[in-house]
Amino acid sequence: MKGITTLSLSVDKTKKIGNIDRERSDKDGLRPLISDIEATRPINFIEALLLPSVFTYSLLLFFTKLVSYTFLYWLPNYLTIVEHVSAEQAAKLSVLFDVGGIIGGVLIGWFSDSQ
């Protein structure tokens, strides 16, 4: 579920950029994305945050990790207290959540690469 949410909320804008031909870009007055001159200073945190989609990805990752860690730490307690499952069984069932996340991450990565 986490992978589907991430895939549906992330927008791929790389196809709009395309490749820039250096000879043609000089004629058109366009500046190439990669120049021979090194940048004088790196961008700061605020400039990085203002890049397209960085803030959206940051929020997406924050809430994804929040849900993931909430289940990771809360699920064993819930299973032992409410469902009266032994601590050993609760640990084994909680591992299934992590295994599902690994398998789901691999599958959603494969799916997004195949598009």
PDB file of N, CA and C in Angstrom:
ATOM      1  N   MET A   1       0.822  -1.187   0.000  1.00  0.00           N
ATOM      2  CA  MET A   1       0.000   0.000   0.000  1.00  0.00           C
ATOM      3  C   MET A   1       0.872   1.258   0.000  1.00  0.00           C
ATOM      4  N   LYS A   2       1.970   1.180   0.759  1.00  0.00           N
ATOM      5  CA  LYS A   2       2.881   2.310   0.845  1.00  0.00           C
ATOM      6  C   LYS A   2       3.487   2.611  -0.524  1.00  0.00           C
ATOM      7  N   GLY A   3       3.864   1.574  -1.251  1.00  0.00           N
ATOM      8  CA  GLY A   3       4.465   1.762  -2.564  1.00  0.00           C
ATOM      9  C   GLY A   3       3.489   2.349  -3.566  1.00  0.00           C
ATOM     10  N   ILE A   4       2.242   1.911  -3.507  1.00  0.00           N
ATOM     11  CA  ILE A   4       1.222   2.431  -4.420  1.00  0.00           C
ATOM     12  C   ILE A   4       0.977   3.908  -4.145  1.00  0.00           C
ATOM     13  N   THR A   5       0.935   4.295  -2.866  1.00  0.00           N
ATOM     14  CA  THR A   5       0.750   5.699  -2.510  1.00  0.00           C
ATOM     15  C   THR A   5       1.916   6.539  -3.010  1.00  0.00           C
ATOM     16  N   THR A   6       3.135   6.045  -2.798  1.00  0.00           N
ATOM     17  CA  THR A   6       4.314   6.776  -3.256  1.00  0.00           C
ATOM     18  C   THR A   6       4.311   6.923  -4.765  1.00  0.00           C
ATOM     19  N   LEU A   7       4.007   5.846  -5.475  1.00  0.00           N
ATOM     20  CA  LEU A   7       4.002   5.888  -6.933  1.00  0.00           C
ATOM     21  C   LEU A   7       2.918   6.818  -7.460  1.00  0.00           C
ATOM     22  N   SER A   8       1.755   6.829  -6.828  1.00  0.00           N
ATOM     23  CA  SER A   8       0.665   7.657  -7.337  1.00  0.00           C
ATOM     24  C   SER A   8       0.872   9.138  -7.037  1.00  0.00           C
ATOM     25  N   LEU A   9       1.582   9.463  -5.956  1.00  0.00           N
ATOM     26  CA  LEU A   9       1.778  10.866  -5.609  1.00  0.00           C
ATOM     27  C   LEU A   9       3.029  11.476  -6.219  1.00  0.00           C
ATOM     28  N   SER A  10       3.935  10.653  -6.702  1.00  0.00           N
ATOM     29  CA  SER A  10       5.154  11.199  -7.295  1.00  0.00           C
ATOM     30  C   SER A  10       4.920  11.473  -8.776  1.00  0.00           C
ATOM     31  N   VAL A  11       5.353  12.642  -9.210  1.00  0.00           N
ATOM     32  CA  VAL A  11       5.151  13.077 -10.583  1.00  0.00           C
ATOM     33  C   VAL A  11       6.501  13.088 -11.281  1.00  0.00           C
ATOM     34  N   ASP A  12       6.585  12.428 -12.416  1.00  0.00           N
ATOM     35  CA  ASP A  12       7.829  12.363 -13.171  1.00  0.00           C
ATOM     36  C   ASP A  12       7.844  13.483 -14.199  1.00  0.00           C
ATOM     37  N   LYS A  13       8.728  14.466 -13.994  1.00  0.00           N
ATOM     38  CA  LYS A  13       8.824  15.596 -14.917  1.00  0.00           C
ATOM     39  C   LYS A  13      10.085  15.530 -15.763  1.00  0.00           C
ATOM     40  N   THR A  14      10.800  14.407 -15.721  1.00  0.00           N
ATOM     41  CA  THR A  14      12.059  14.323 -16.456  1.00  0.00           C
ATOM     42  C   THR A  14      11.848  14.254 -17.958  1.00  0.00           C
ATOM     43  N   LYS A  15      10.715  13.770 -18.406  1.00  0.00           N
ATOM     44  CA  LYS A  15      10.471  13.666 -19.842  1.00  0.00           C
ATOM     45  C   LYS A  15      10.315  15.046 -20.481  1.00  0.00           C
ATOM     46  N   LYS A  16       9.913  16.049 -19.700  1.00  0.00           N
ATOM     47  CA  LYS A  16       9.749  17.394 -20.232  1.00  0.00           C
ATOM     48  C   LYS A  16      11.095  18.082 -20.454  1.00  0.00           C
ATOM     49  N   ILE A  17      12.132  17.646 -19.731  1.00  0.00           N
ATOM     50  CA  ILE A  17      13.427  18.305 -19.825  1.00  0.00           C
ATOM     51  C   ILE A  17      14.153  17.900 -21.090  1.00  0.00           C
ATOM     52  N   GLY A  18      14.304  16.606 -21.313  1.00  0.00           N
ATOM     53  CA  GLY A  18      14.979  16.115 -22.507  1.00  0.00           C
ATOM     54  C   GLY A  18      16.472  16.388 -22.478  1.00  0.00           C
ATOM     55  N   ASN A  19      17.149  16.073 -23.569  1.00  0.00           N
ATOM     56  CA  ASN A  19      18.582  16.309 -23.697  1.00  0.00           C
ATOM     57  C   ASN A  19      18.817  17.608 -24.453  1.00  0.00           C
ATOM     58  N   ILE A  20      19.846  18.325 -24.062  1.00  0.00           N
ATOM     59  CA  ILE A  20      20.175  19.586 -24.722  1.00  0.00           C
ATOM     60  C   ILE A  20      21.451  19.394 -25.522  1.00  0.00           C
ATOM     61  N   ASP A  21      21.403  19.743 -26.788  1.00  0.00           N
ATOM     62  CA  ASP A  21      22.574  19.687 -27.653  1.00  0.00           C
ATOM     63  C   ASP A  21      23.383  20.963 -27.434  1.00  0.00           C
ATOM     64  N   ARG A  22      24.680  20.828 -27.117  1.00  0.00           N
ATOM     65  CA  ARG A  22      25.497  22.001 -26.797  1.00  0.00           C
ATOM     66  C   ARG A  22      25.615  22.966 -27.978  1.00  0.00           C
ATOM     67  N   GLU A  23      25.776  22.450 -29.186  1.00  0.00           N
ATOM     68  CA  GLU A  23      25.913  23.330 -30.349  1.00  0.00           C
ATOM     69  C   GLU A  23      24.620  24.080 -30.613  1.00  0.00           C
ATOM     70  N   ARG A  24      23.513  23.373 -30.528  1.00  0.00           N
ATOM     71  CA  ARG A  24      22.222  24.004 -30.779  1.00  0.00           C
ATOM     72  C   ARG A  24      21.853  24.970 -29.662  1.00  0.00           C
ATOM     73  N   SER A  25      22.245  24.662 -28.423  1.00  0.00           N
ATOM     74  CA  SER A  25      21.866  25.518 -27.306  1.00  0.00           C
ATOM     75  C   SER A  25      22.561  26.875 -27.383  1.00  0.00           C
ATOM     76  N   ASP A  26      23.791  26.916 -27.927  1.00  0.00           N
ATOM     77  CA  ASP A  26      24.462  28.201 -28.080  1.00  0.00           C
ATOM     78  C   ASP A  26      23.739  29.074 -29.098  1.00  0.00           C
ATOM     79  N   LYS A  27      23.222  28.465 -30.146  1.00  0.00           N
ATOM     80  CA  LYS A  27      22.505  29.217 -31.174  1.00  0.00           C
ATOM     81  C   LYS A  27      21.161  29.722 -30.650  1.00  0.00           C
ATOM     82  N   ASP A  28      20.487  28.887 -29.861  1.00  0.00           N
ATOM     83  CA  ASP A  28      19.173  29.257 -29.342  1.00  0.00           C
ATOM     84  C   ASP A  28      19.260  30.183 -28.136  1.00  0.00           C
ATOM     85  N   GLY A  29      20.437  30.325 -27.561  1.00  0.00           N
ATOM     86  CA  GLY A  29      20.578  31.153 -26.375  1.00  0.00           C
ATOM     87  C   GLY A  29      20.237  30.411 -25.095  1.00  0.00           C
ATOM     88  N   LEU A  30      20.128  29.095 -25.177  1.00  0.00           N
ATOM     89  CA  LEU A  30      19.833  28.308 -23.986  1.00  0.00           C
ATOM     90  C   LEU A  30      21.128  27.906 -23.297  1.00  0.00           C
ATOM     91  N   ARG A  31      21.074  27.782 -22.000  1.00  0.00           N
ATOM     92  CA  ARG A  31      22.236  27.369 -21.231  1.00  0.00           C
ATOM     93  C   ARG A  31      22.139  25.873 -20.973  1.00  0.00           C
ATOM     94  N   PRO A  32      23.196  25.107 -21.221  1.00  0.00           N
ATOM     95  CA  PRO A  32      23.132  23.663 -20.969  1.00  0.00           C
ATOM     96  C   PRO A  32      22.982  23.362 -19.479  1.00  0.00           C
ATOM     97  N   LEU A  33      22.374  22.214 -19.178  1.00  0.00           N
ATOM     98  CA  LEU A  33      22.185  21.826 -17.787  1.00  0.00           C
ATOM     99  C   LEU A  33      23.515  21.549 -17.097  1.00  0.00           C
ATOM    100  N   ILE A  34      24.459  20.979 -17.815  1.00  0.00           N
ATOM    101  CA  ILE A  34      25.776  20.692 -17.264  1.00  0.00           C
ATOM    102  C   ILE A  34      26.774  21.561 -18.013  1.00  0.00           C
ATOM    103  N   SER A  35      27.432  22.442 -17.297  1.00  0.00           N
ATOM    104  CA  SER A  35      28.389  23.328 -17.952  1.00  0.00           C
ATOM    105  C   SER A  35      29.807  22.921 -17.576  1.00  0.00           C
ATOM    106  N   ASP A  36      30.763  23.458 -18.317  1.00  0.00           N
ATOM    107  CA  ASP A  36      32.164  23.180 -18.045  1.00  0.00           C
ATOM    108  C   ASP A  36      32.666  23.970 -16.841  1.00  0.00           C
ATOM    109  N   ILE A  37      31.978  25.025 -16.482  1.00  0.00           N
ATOM    110  CA  ILE A  37      32.374  25.873 -15.363  1.00  0.00           C
ATOM    111  C   ILE A  37      31.729  25.330 -14.088  1.00  0.00           C
ATOM    112  N   GLU A  38      32.527  25.158 -13.066  1.00  0.00           N
ATOM    113  CA  GLU A  38      32.004  24.653 -11.794  1.00  0.00           C
ATOM    114  C   GLU A  38      31.253  25.767 -11.074  1.00  0.00           C
ATOM    115  N   ALA A  39      30.254  25.400 -10.318  1.00  0.00           N
ATOM    116  CA  ALA A  39      29.499  26.375  -9.541  1.00  0.00           C
ATOM    117  C   ALA A  39      30.397  26.953  -8.449  1.00  0.00           C
ATOM    118  N   THR A  40      30.204  28.223  -8.149  1.00  0.00           N
ATOM    119  CA  THR A  40      31.054  28.860  -7.144  1.00  0.00           C
ATOM    120  C   THR A  40      30.654  28.468  -5.729  1.00  0.00           C
ATOM    121  N   ARG A  41      29.399  28.178  -5.506  1.00  0.00           N
ATOM    122  CA  ARG A  41      28.962  27.796  -4.165  1.00  0.00           C
ATOM    123  C   ARG A  41      27.838  26.772  -4.283  1.00  0.00           C
ATOM    124  N   PRO A  42      27.736  25.881  -3.323  1.00  0.00           N
ATOM    125  CA  PRO A  42      26.619  24.934  -3.333  1.00  0.00           C
ATOM    126  C   PRO A  42      25.335  25.639  -2.900  1.00  0.00           C
ATOM    127  N   ILE A  43      24.207  25.045  -3.250  1.00  0.00           N
ATOM    128  CA  ILE A  43      22.940  25.646  -2.835  1.00  0.00           C
ATOM    129  C   ILE A  43      22.721  25.372  -1.353  1.00  0.00           C
ATOM    130  N   ASN A  44      22.000  26.259  -0.701  1.00  0.00           N
ATOM    131  CA  ASN A  44      21.724  26.068   0.723  1.00  0.00           C
ATOM    132  C   ASN A  44      20.432  25.270   0.902  1.00  0.00           C
ATOM    133  N   PHE A  45      20.056  25.047   2.145  1.00  0.00           N
ATOM    134  CA  PHE A  45      18.904  24.212   2.461  1.00  0.00           C
ATOM    135  C   PHE A  45      17.610  24.786   1.886  1.00  0.00           C
ATOM    136  N   ILE A  46      17.415  26.080   2.018  1.00  0.00           N
ATOM    137  CA  ILE A  46      16.178  26.710   1.532  1.00  0.00           C
ATOM    138  C   ILE A  46      16.089  26.608   0.011  1.00  0.00           C
ATOM    139  N   GLU A  47      17.202  26.837  -0.682  1.00  0.00           N
ATOM    140  CA  GLU A  47      17.195  26.714  -2.144  1.00  0.00           C
ATOM    141  C   GLU A  47      16.910  25.280  -2.575  1.00  0.00           C
ATOM    142  N   ALA A  48      17.455  24.320  -1.836  1.00  0.00           N
ATOM    143  CA  ALA A  48      17.185  22.913  -2.150  1.00  0.00           C
ATOM    144  C   ALA A  48      15.723  22.584  -1.905  1.00  0.00           C
ATOM    145  N   LEU A  49      15.156  23.147  -0.853  1.00  0.00           N
ATOM    146  CA  LEU A  49      13.751  22.891  -0.531  1.00  0.00           C
ATOM    147  C   LEU A  49      12.816  23.501  -1.571  1.00  0.00           C
ATOM    148  N   LEU A  50      13.255  24.569  -2.217  1.00  0.00           N
ATOM    149  CA  LEU A  50      12.426  25.234  -3.224  1.00  0.00           C
ATOM    150  C   LEU A  50      12.525  24.601  -4.609  1.00  0.00           C
ATOM    151  N   LEU A  51      13.390  23.603  -4.775  1.00  0.00           N
ATOM    152  CA  LEU A  51      13.452  22.892  -6.054  1.00  0.00           C
ATOM    153  C   LEU A  51      12.125  22.181  -6.306  1.00  0.00           C
ATOM    154  N   PRO A  52      11.740  21.997  -7.572  1.00  0.00           N
ATOM    155  CA  PRO A  52      10.454  21.357  -7.861  1.00  0.00           C
ATOM    156  C   PRO A  52      10.355  19.966  -7.243  1.00  0.00           C
ATOM    157  N   SER A  53       9.276  19.708  -6.575  1.00  0.00           N
ATOM    158  CA  SER A  53       8.901  18.418  -5.985  1.00  0.00           C
ATOM    159  C   SER A  53       9.705  18.006  -4.759  1.00  0.00           C
ATOM    160  N   VAL A  54      10.706  18.761  -4.329  1.00  0.00           N
ATOM    161  CA  VAL A  54      11.492  18.359  -3.155  1.00  0.00           C
ATOM    162  C   VAL A  54      10.632  18.411  -1.900  1.00  0.00           C
ATOM    163  N   PHE A  55       9.863  19.465  -1.724  1.00  0.00           N
ATOM    164  CA  PHE A  55       9.020  19.579  -0.529  1.00  0.00           C
ATOM    165  C   PHE A  55       7.948  18.491  -0.519  1.00  0.00           C
ATOM    166  N   THR A  56       7.373  18.201  -1.683  1.00  0.00           N
ATOM    167  CA  THR A  56       6.355  17.152  -1.774  1.00  0.00           C
ATOM    168  C   THR A  56       6.938  15.794  -1.428  1.00  0.00           C
ATOM    169  N   TYR A  57       8.109  15.476  -1.976  1.00  0.00           N
ATOM    170  CA  TYR A  57       8.762  14.202  -1.657  1.00  0.00           C
ATOM    171  C   TYR A  57       9.140  14.136  -0.180  1.00  0.00           C
ATOM    172  N   SER A  58       9.550  15.259   0.388  1.00  0.00           N
ATOM    173  CA  SER A  58       9.910  15.280   1.807  1.00  0.00           C
ATOM    174  C   SER A  58       8.703  14.967   2.679  1.00  0.00           C
ATOM    175  N   LEU A  59       7.583  15.586   2.387  1.00  0.00           N
ATOM    176  CA  LEU A  59       6.363  15.295   3.147  1.00  0.00           C
ATOM    177  C   LEU A  59       5.913  13.856   2.948  1.00  0.00           C
ATOM    178  N   LEU A  60       6.004  13.371   1.732  1.00  0.00           N
ATOM    179  CA  LEU A  60       5.625  11.997   1.436  1.00  0.00           C
ATOM    180  C   LEU A  60       6.494  11.018   2.212  1.00  0.00           C
ATOM    181  N   LEU A  61       7.794  11.245   2.225  1.00  0.00           N
ATOM    182  CA  LEU A  61       8.696  10.367   2.960  1.00  0.00           C
ATOM    183  C   LEU A  61       8.466  10.472   4.463  1.00  0.00           C
ATOM    184  N   PHE A  62       8.210  11.681   4.973  1.00  0.00           N
ATOM    185  CA  PHE A  62       7.957  11.859   6.403  1.00  0.00           C
ATOM    186  C   PHE A  62       6.749  11.048   6.851  1.00  0.00           C
ATOM    187  N   PHE A  63       5.635  11.180   6.151  1.00  0.00           N
ATOM    188  CA  PHE A  63       4.434  10.468   6.572  1.00  0.00           C
ATOM    189  C   PHE A  63       4.531   8.967   6.311  1.00  0.00           C
ATOM    190  N   THR A  64       5.248   8.572   5.273  1.00  0.00           N
ATOM    191  CA  THR A  64       5.464   7.146   5.026  1.00  0.00           C
ATOM    192  C   THR A  64       6.270   6.529   6.155  1.00  0.00           C
ATOM    193  N   LYS A  65       7.341   7.199   6.560  1.00  0.00           N
ATOM    194  CA  LYS A  65       8.160   6.695   7.668  1.00  0.00           C
ATOM    195  C   LYS A  65       7.394   6.743   8.982  1.00  0.00           C
ATOM    196  N   LEU A  66       6.564   7.766   9.167  1.00  0.00           N
ATOM    197  CA  LEU A  66       5.766   7.864  10.389  1.00  0.00           C
ATOM    198  C   LEU A  66       4.839   6.666  10.527  1.00  0.00           C
ATOM    199  N   VAL A  67       4.148   6.318   9.471  1.00  0.00           N
ATOM    200  CA  VAL A  67       3.250   5.160   9.501  1.00  0.00           C
ATOM    201  C   VAL A  67       4.042   3.873   9.674  1.00  0.00           C
ATOM    202  N   SER A  68       5.150   3.760   8.974  1.00  0.00           N
ATOM    203  CA  SER A  68       5.962   2.548   9.044  1.00  0.00           C
ATOM    204  C   SER A  68       6.501   2.315  10.451  1.00  0.00           C
ATOM    205  N   TYR A  69       7.086   3.331  11.059  1.00  0.00           N
ATOM    206  CA  TYR A  69       7.637   3.167  12.403  1.00  0.00           C
ATOM    207  C   TYR A  69       6.549   3.033  13.455  1.00  0.00           C
ATOM    208  N   THR A  70       5.393   3.650  13.226  1.00  0.00           N
ATOM    209  CA  THR A  70       4.283   3.465  14.155  1.00  0.00           C
ATOM    210  C   THR A  70       3.859   2.010  14.184  1.00  0.00           C
ATOM    211  N   PHE A  71       3.702   1.405  13.021  1.00  0.00           N
ATOM    212  CA  PHE A  71       3.356  -0.017  12.984  1.00  0.00           C
ATOM    213  C   PHE A  71       4.468  -0.878  13.552  1.00  0.00           C
ATOM    214  N   LEU A  72       5.712  -0.520  13.270  1.00  0.00           N
ATOM    215  CA  LEU A  72       6.843  -1.316  13.722  1.00  0.00           C
ATOM    216  C   LEU A  72       6.895  -1.389  15.245  1.00  0.00           C
ATOM    217  N   TYR A  73       6.654  -0.275  15.930  1.00  0.00           N
ATOM    218  CA  TYR A  73       6.753  -0.248  17.391  1.00  0.00           C
ATOM    219  C   TYR A  73       5.423  -0.511  18.089  1.00  0.00           C
ATOM    220  N   TRP A  74       4.321  -0.204  17.453  1.00  0.00           N
ATOM    221  CA  TRP A  74       3.032  -0.334  18.106  1.00  0.00           C
ATOM    222  C   TRP A  74       2.416  -1.716  17.919  1.00  0.00           C
ATOM    223  N   LEU A  75       2.637  -2.349  16.789  1.00  0.00           N
ATOM    224  CA  LEU A  75       1.997  -3.620  16.468  1.00  0.00           C
ATOM    225  C   LEU A  75       2.287  -4.727  17.475  1.00  0.00           C
ATOM    226  N   PRO A  76       3.527  -4.953  17.922  1.00  0.00           N
ATOM    227  CA  PRO A  76       3.743  -6.011  18.921  1.00  0.00           C
ATOM    228  C   PRO A  76       3.011  -5.747  20.235  1.00  0.00           C
ATOM    229  N   ASN A  77       2.984  -4.499  20.681  1.00  0.00           N
ATOM    230  CA  ASN A  77       2.249  -4.172  21.913  1.00  0.00           C
ATOM    231  C   ASN A  77       0.756  -4.414  21.744  1.00  0.00           C
ATOM    232  N   TYR A  78       0.222  -4.012  20.608  1.00  0.00           N
ATOM    233  CA  TYR A  78      -1.196  -4.227  20.346  1.00  0.00           C
ATOM    234  C   TYR A  78      -1.530  -5.715  20.346  1.00  0.00           C
ATOM    235  N   LEU A  79      -0.691  -6.503  19.689  1.00  0.00           N
ATOM    236  CA  LEU A  79      -0.957  -7.943  19.612  1.00  0.00           C
ATOM    237  C   LEU A  79      -0.884  -8.612  20.980  1.00  0.00           C
ATOM    238  N   THR A  80       0.053  -8.204  21.823  1.00  0.00           N
ATOM    239  CA  THR A  80       0.169  -8.838  23.141  1.00  0.00           C
ATOM    240  C   THR A  80      -0.906  -8.362  24.104  1.00  0.00           C
ATOM    241  N   ILE A  81      -1.242  -7.086  24.084  1.00  0.00           N
ATOM    242  CA  ILE A  81      -2.196  -6.550  25.066  1.00  0.00           C
ATOM    243  C   ILE A  81      -3.638  -6.789  24.643  1.00  0.00           C
ATOM    244  N   VAL A  82      -3.995  -6.455  23.432  1.00  0.00           N
ATOM    245  CA  VAL A  82      -5.392  -6.527  23.000  1.00  0.00           C
ATOM    246  C   VAL A  82      -5.763  -7.920  22.498  1.00  0.00           C
ATOM    247  N   GLU A  83      -4.916  -8.492  21.669  1.00  0.00           N
ATOM    248  CA  GLU A  83      -5.235  -9.788  21.065  1.00  0.00           C
ATOM    249  C   GLU A  83      -4.746 -10.970  21.898  1.00  0.00           C
ATOM    250  N   HIS A  84      -4.037 -10.696  22.996  1.00  0.00           N
ATOM    251  CA  HIS A  84      -3.542 -11.726  23.922  1.00  0.00           C
ATOM    252  C   HIS A  84      -2.694 -12.781  23.212  1.00  0.00           C
ATOM    253  N   VAL A  85      -1.808 -12.317  22.358  1.00  0.00           N
ATOM    254  CA  VAL A  85      -0.866 -13.182  21.653  1.00  0.00           C
ATOM    255  C   VAL A  85       0.438 -13.154  22.443  1.00  0.00           C
ATOM    256  N   SER A  86       1.154 -14.266  22.462  1.00  0.00           N
ATOM    257  CA  SER A  86       2.428 -14.288  23.187  1.00  0.00           C
ATOM    258  C   SER A  86       3.420 -13.330  22.530  1.00  0.00           C
ATOM    259  N   ALA A  87       4.416 -12.910  23.297  1.00  0.00           N
ATOM    260  CA  ALA A  87       5.408 -11.961  22.783  1.00  0.00           C
ATOM    261  C   ALA A  87       6.173 -12.555  21.606  1.00  0.00           C
ATOM    262  N   GLU A  88       6.431 -13.857  21.659  1.00  0.00           N
ATOM    263  CA  GLU A  88       7.156 -14.503  20.563  1.00  0.00           C
ATOM    264  C   GLU A  88       6.329 -14.501  19.280  1.00  0.00           C
ATOM    265  N   GLN A  89       5.038 -14.824  19.395  1.00  0.00           N
ATOM    266  CA  GLN A  89       4.172 -14.805  18.210  1.00  0.00           C
ATOM    267  C   GLN A  89       3.984 -13.380  17.685  1.00  0.00           C
ATOM    268  N   ALA A  90       3.880 -12.420  18.604  1.00  0.00           N
ATOM    269  CA  ALA A  90       3.730 -11.023  18.183  1.00  0.00           C
ATOM    270  C   ALA A  90       4.961 -10.556  17.413  1.00  0.00           C
ATOM    271  N   ALA A  91       6.143 -10.983  17.860  1.00  0.00           N
ATOM    272  CA  ALA A  91       7.372 -10.615  17.147  1.00  0.00           C
ATOM    273  C   ALA A  91       7.396 -11.237  15.756  1.00  0.00           C
ATOM    274  N   LYS A  92       6.986 -12.497  15.669  1.00  0.00           N
ATOM    275  CA  LYS A  92       6.972 -13.164  14.360  1.00  0.00           C
ATOM    276  C   LYS A  92       5.966 -12.509  13.416  1.00  0.00           C
ATOM    277  N   LEU A  93       4.814 -12.137  13.939  1.00  0.00           N
ATOM    278  CA  LEU A  93       3.815 -11.474  13.097  1.00  0.00           C
ATOM    279  C   LEU A  93       4.269 -10.076  12.680  1.00  0.00           C
ATOM    280  N   SER A  94       4.998  -9.396  13.552  1.00  0.00           N
ATOM    281  CA  SER A  94       5.495  -8.061  13.213  1.00  0.00           C
ATOM    282  C   SER A  94       6.554  -8.119  12.128  1.00  0.00           C
ATOM    283  N   VAL A  95       7.313  -9.210  12.105  1.00  0.00           N
ATOM    284  CA  VAL A  95       8.323  -9.377  11.060  1.00  0.00           C
ATOM    285  C   VAL A  95       7.649  -9.496   9.696  1.00  0.00           C
ATOM    286  N   LEU A  96       6.451 -10.077   9.663  1.00  0.00           N
ATOM    287  CA  LEU A  96       5.725 -10.179   8.393  1.00  0.00           C
ATOM    288  C   LEU A  96       5.444  -8.801   7.794  1.00  0.00           C
ATOM    289  N   PHE A  97       5.211  -7.814   8.664  1.00  0.00           N
ATOM    290  CA  PHE A  97       5.002  -6.443   8.189  1.00  0.00           C
ATOM    291  C   PHE A  97       6.252  -5.934   7.472  1.00  0.00           C
ATOM    292  N   ASP A  98       7.428  -6.193   8.052  1.00  0.00           N
ATOM    293  CA  ASP A  98       8.681  -5.765   7.421  1.00  0.00           C
ATOM    294  C   ASP A  98       8.949  -6.524   6.130  1.00  0.00           C
ATOM    295  N   VAL A  99       8.705  -7.818   6.135  1.00  0.00           N
ATOM    296  CA  VAL A  99       8.922  -8.623   4.929  1.00  0.00           C
ATOM    297  C   VAL A  99       7.984  -8.156   3.813  1.00  0.00           C
ATOM    298  N   GLY A 100       6.747  -7.864   4.163  1.00  0.00           N
ATOM    299  CA  GLY A 100       5.810  -7.338   3.171  1.00  0.00           C
ATOM    300  C   GLY A 100       6.262  -6.001   2.616  1.00  0.00           C
ATOM    301  N   GLY A 101       6.869  -5.163   3.471  1.00  0.00           N
ATOM    302  CA  GLY A 101       7.396  -3.886   2.995  1.00  0.00           C
ATOM    303  C   GLY A 101       8.558  -4.057   2.035  1.00  0.00           C
ATOM    304  N   ILE A 102       9.407  -5.049   2.314  1.00  0.00           N
ATOM    305  CA  ILE A 102      10.543  -5.306   1.429  1.00  0.00           C
ATOM    306  C   ILE A 102      10.052  -5.820   0.078  1.00  0.00           C
ATOM    307  N   ILE A 103       9.189  -6.812   0.116  1.00  0.00           N
ATOM    308  CA  ILE A 103       8.662  -7.380  -1.132  1.00  0.00           C
ATOM    309  C   ILE A 103       7.859  -6.330  -1.900  1.00  0.00           C
ATOM    310  N   GLY A 104       7.035  -5.569  -1.186  1.00  0.00           N
ATOM    311  CA  GLY A 104       6.256  -4.519  -1.839  1.00  0.00           C
ATOM    312  C   GLY A 104       7.134  -3.435  -2.440  1.00  0.00           C
ATOM    313  N   GLY A 105       8.217  -3.064  -1.747  1.00  0.00           N
ATOM    314  CA  GLY A 105       9.141  -2.068  -2.277  1.00  0.00           C
ATOM    315  C   GLY A 105       9.821  -2.528  -3.551  1.00  0.00           C
ATOM    316  N   VAL A 106      10.220  -3.798  -3.567  1.00  0.00           N
ATOM    317  CA  VAL A 106      10.852  -4.348  -4.769  1.00  0.00           C
ATOM    318  C   VAL A 106       9.849  -4.399  -5.918  1.00  0.00           C
ATOM    319  N   LEU A 107       8.641  -4.851  -5.642  1.00  0.00           N
ATOM    320  CA  LEU A 107       7.632  -4.952  -6.700  1.00  0.00           C
ATOM    321  C   LEU A 107       7.231  -3.586  -7.244  1.00  0.00           C
ATOM    322  N   ILE A 108       7.051  -2.608  -6.363  1.00  0.00           N
ATOM    323  CA  ILE A 108       6.647  -1.291  -6.845  1.00  0.00           C
ATOM    324  C   ILE A 108       7.799  -0.618  -7.583  1.00  0.00           C
ATOM    325  N   GLY A 109       9.050  -0.905  -7.186  1.00  0.00           N
ATOM    326  CA  GLY A 109      10.207  -0.404  -7.926  1.00  0.00           C
ATOM    327  C   GLY A 109      10.276  -0.998  -9.317  1.00  0.00           C
ATOM    328  N   TRP A 110      10.030  -2.300  -9.404  1.00  0.00           N
ATOM    329  CA  TRP A 110      10.020  -2.964 -10.712  1.00  0.00           C
ATOM    330  C   TRP A 110       8.892  -2.400 -11.572  1.00  0.00           C
ATOM    331  N   PHE A 111       7.721  -2.186 -10.969  1.00  0.00           N
ATOM    332  CA  PHE A 111       6.577  -1.670 -11.707  1.00  0.00           C
ATOM    333  C   PHE A 111       6.836  -0.249 -12.202  1.00  0.00           C
ATOM    334  N   SER A 112       7.418   0.596 -11.349  1.00  0.00           N
ATOM    335  CA  SER A 112       7.670   1.976 -11.771  1.00  0.00           C
ATOM    336  C   SER A 112       8.762   2.052 -12.832  1.00  0.00           C
ATOM    337  N   ASP A 113       9.739   1.144 -12.790  1.00  0.00           N
ATOM    338  CA  ASP A 113      10.776   1.129 -13.821  1.00  0.00           C
ATOM    339  C   ASP A 113      10.252   0.615 -15.152  1.00  0.00           C
ATOM    340  N   SER A 114       9.238  -0.225 -15.113  1.00  0.00           N
ATOM    341  CA  SER A 114       8.715  -0.795 -16.357  1.00  0.00           C
ATOM    342  C   SER A 114       7.785   0.168 -17.088  1.00  0.00           C
ATOM    343  N   GLN A 115       7.379   1.247 -16.458  1.00  0.00           N
ATOM    344  CA  GLN A 115       6.474   2.199 -17.113  1.00  0.00           C
ATOM    345  C   GLN A 115       7.207   3.081 -18.070  1.00  0.00           C
TER     346      GLN A 115
END
